[in-house]
Amino acid sequence: MPSFLNWQRSIDEIGYHSKGKILNAYNFNVPQNRERIFLVSVRNDIKGHFNFPESGKLDCYEQDCNIEDLLDDNVNEEYYFPQEEVIKYF
C-alpha cells in the first residue's frame, strides 16, 4: 500500500486530483471474487467529479445459482474450440 500512496501523491503533485477505491468484481455482477484497487485521476483544470459506481448484486445472489445462469445465451462461434480439438488436448 505504501507504493500505491506514493504513486497517488506523485500524480497529485503534477496537477491531478485522484480518487482511489478497492472494488470487488463480485459486487458488479461478475461471478468472481476479486478485489482490485482502482485509481482515477482527473486533471485539476477539468471541472466535475468522478464517483465510483455503486455495487450491485448478482442476479441470482439470493437464490441457488449455477454457471448457466451467468453465461450469455448467444456467443460467437469463433470463441469456441471444436469438440474434436478439445478431445485432442485431453
Protein backbone atom coordinates (compact mmCIF):
# COMPACT_ATOMS: atom_id res chain seq x y z
CA MET A 1 0.00 0.00 0.00
CA PRO A 2 2.86 2.50 0.59
CA SER A 3 3.83 2.26 -3.11
CA PHE A 4 0.26 2.99 -4.12
CA LEU A 5 0.05 6.02 -1.84
CA ASN A 6 3.40 7.31 -3.17
CA TRP A 7 2.13 6.89 -6.72
CA GLN A 8 -1.10 8.72 -5.89
CA ARG A 9 0.83 11.55 -4.22
CA SER A 10 3.11 11.84 -7.29
CA ILE A 11 0.13 12.06 -9.64
CA ASP A 12 -1.48 14.72 -7.45
CA GLU A 13 1.75 16.75 -7.38
CA ILE A 14 1.77 17.08 -11.18
CA GLY A 15 -1.69 18.62 -11.32
CA TYR A 16 -4.25 15.88 -10.91
CA HIS A 17 -6.90 15.10 -8.34
CA SER A 18 -7.05 11.38 -7.62
CA LYS A 19 -9.59 9.15 -6.01
CA GLY A 20 -8.85 5.53 -5.12
CA LYS A 21 -11.08 2.70 -4.06
CA ILE A 22 -10.92 -1.07 -3.61
CA LEU A 23 -13.59 -2.76 -5.70
CA ASN A 24 -14.57 -6.42 -5.81
CA ALA A 25 -15.73 -7.82 -9.15
CA TYR A 26 -18.28 -9.95 -7.30
CA ASN A 27 -20.19 -6.81 -6.36
CA PHE A 28 -20.63 -5.80 -10.01
CA ASN A 29 -22.37 -8.84 -11.50
CA VAL A 30 -19.13 -10.68 -12.25
CA PRO A 31 -19.08 -14.26 -10.91
CA GLN A 32 -15.58 -13.90 -9.46
CA ASN A 33 -14.40 -12.81 -6.03
CA ARG A 34 -11.53 -10.48 -6.99
CA GLU A 35 -10.63 -7.34 -5.12
CA ARG A 36 -8.61 -4.75 -7.03
CA ILE A 37 -7.67 -1.19 -6.23
CA PHE A 38 -8.56 1.45 -8.79
CA LEU A 39 -7.20 4.97 -9.02
CA VAL A 40 -8.94 7.52 -11.20
CA SER A 41 -7.02 10.74 -11.78
CA VAL A 42 -8.51 13.85 -13.37
CA ARG A 43 -6.57 16.99 -14.27
CA ASN A 44 -7.24 19.85 -11.89
CA ASP A 45 -8.37 22.12 -14.75
CA ILE A 46 -11.23 19.78 -15.67
CA LYS A 47 -14.49 20.57 -13.89
CA GLY A 48 -16.68 17.87 -12.40
CA HIS A 49 -16.33 14.99 -10.01
CA PHE A 50 -15.76 11.31 -10.61
CA ASN A 51 -17.77 8.92 -8.49
CA PHE A 52 -17.15 5.21 -8.38
CA PRO A 53 -20.18 3.15 -9.36
CA GLU A 54 -22.39 1.72 -6.68
CA SER A 55 -22.01 -2.00 -6.28
CA GLY A 56 -24.81 -4.34 -7.21
CA LYS A 57 -25.51 -7.98 -6.53
CA LEU A 58 -25.52 -10.92 -8.85
CA ASP A 59 -28.97 -11.50 -10.31
CA CYS A 60 -29.05 -14.92 -8.67
CA TYR A 61 -27.40 -13.78 -5.44
CA GLU A 62 -30.30 -14.62 -3.15
CA GLN A 63 -31.10 -17.97 -4.72
CA ASP A 64 -29.27 -21.03 -5.91
CA CYS A 65 -27.11 -20.01 -8.81
CA ASN A 66 -25.28 -22.13 -11.33
CA ILE A 67 -22.96 -21.26 -14.17
CA GLU A 68 -25.68 -21.49 -16.83
CA ASP A 69 -27.48 -18.59 -15.15
CA LEU A 70 -24.45 -16.37 -15.72
CA LEU A 71 -23.45 -17.25 -19.28
CA ASP A 72 -24.59 -15.39 -22.37
CA ASP A 73 -27.20 -17.12 -24.49
CA ASN A 74 -25.57 -16.17 -27.80
CA VAL A 75 -21.82 -16.28 -28.19
CA ASN A 76 -19.92 -16.04 -31.45
CA GLU A 77 -18.65 -19.48 -32.51
CA GLU A 78 -15.14 -18.14 -33.03
CA TYR A 79 -14.74 -18.23 -29.24
CA TYR A 80 -15.30 -21.98 -29.02
CA PHE A 81 -12.96 -24.86 -29.73
CA PRO A 82 -14.47 -27.51 -31.98
CA GLN A 83 -15.24 -30.61 -29.94
CA GLU A 84 -12.64 -32.68 -31.80
CA GLU A 85 -9.97 -30.10 -30.85
CA VAL A 86 -10.94 -30.30 -27.17
CA ILE A 87 -10.79 -34.10 -27.22
CA LYS A 88 -7.37 -33.97 -28.87
CA TYR A 89 -5.97 -31.90 -25.99
CA PHE A 90 -7.27 -34.34 -23.39
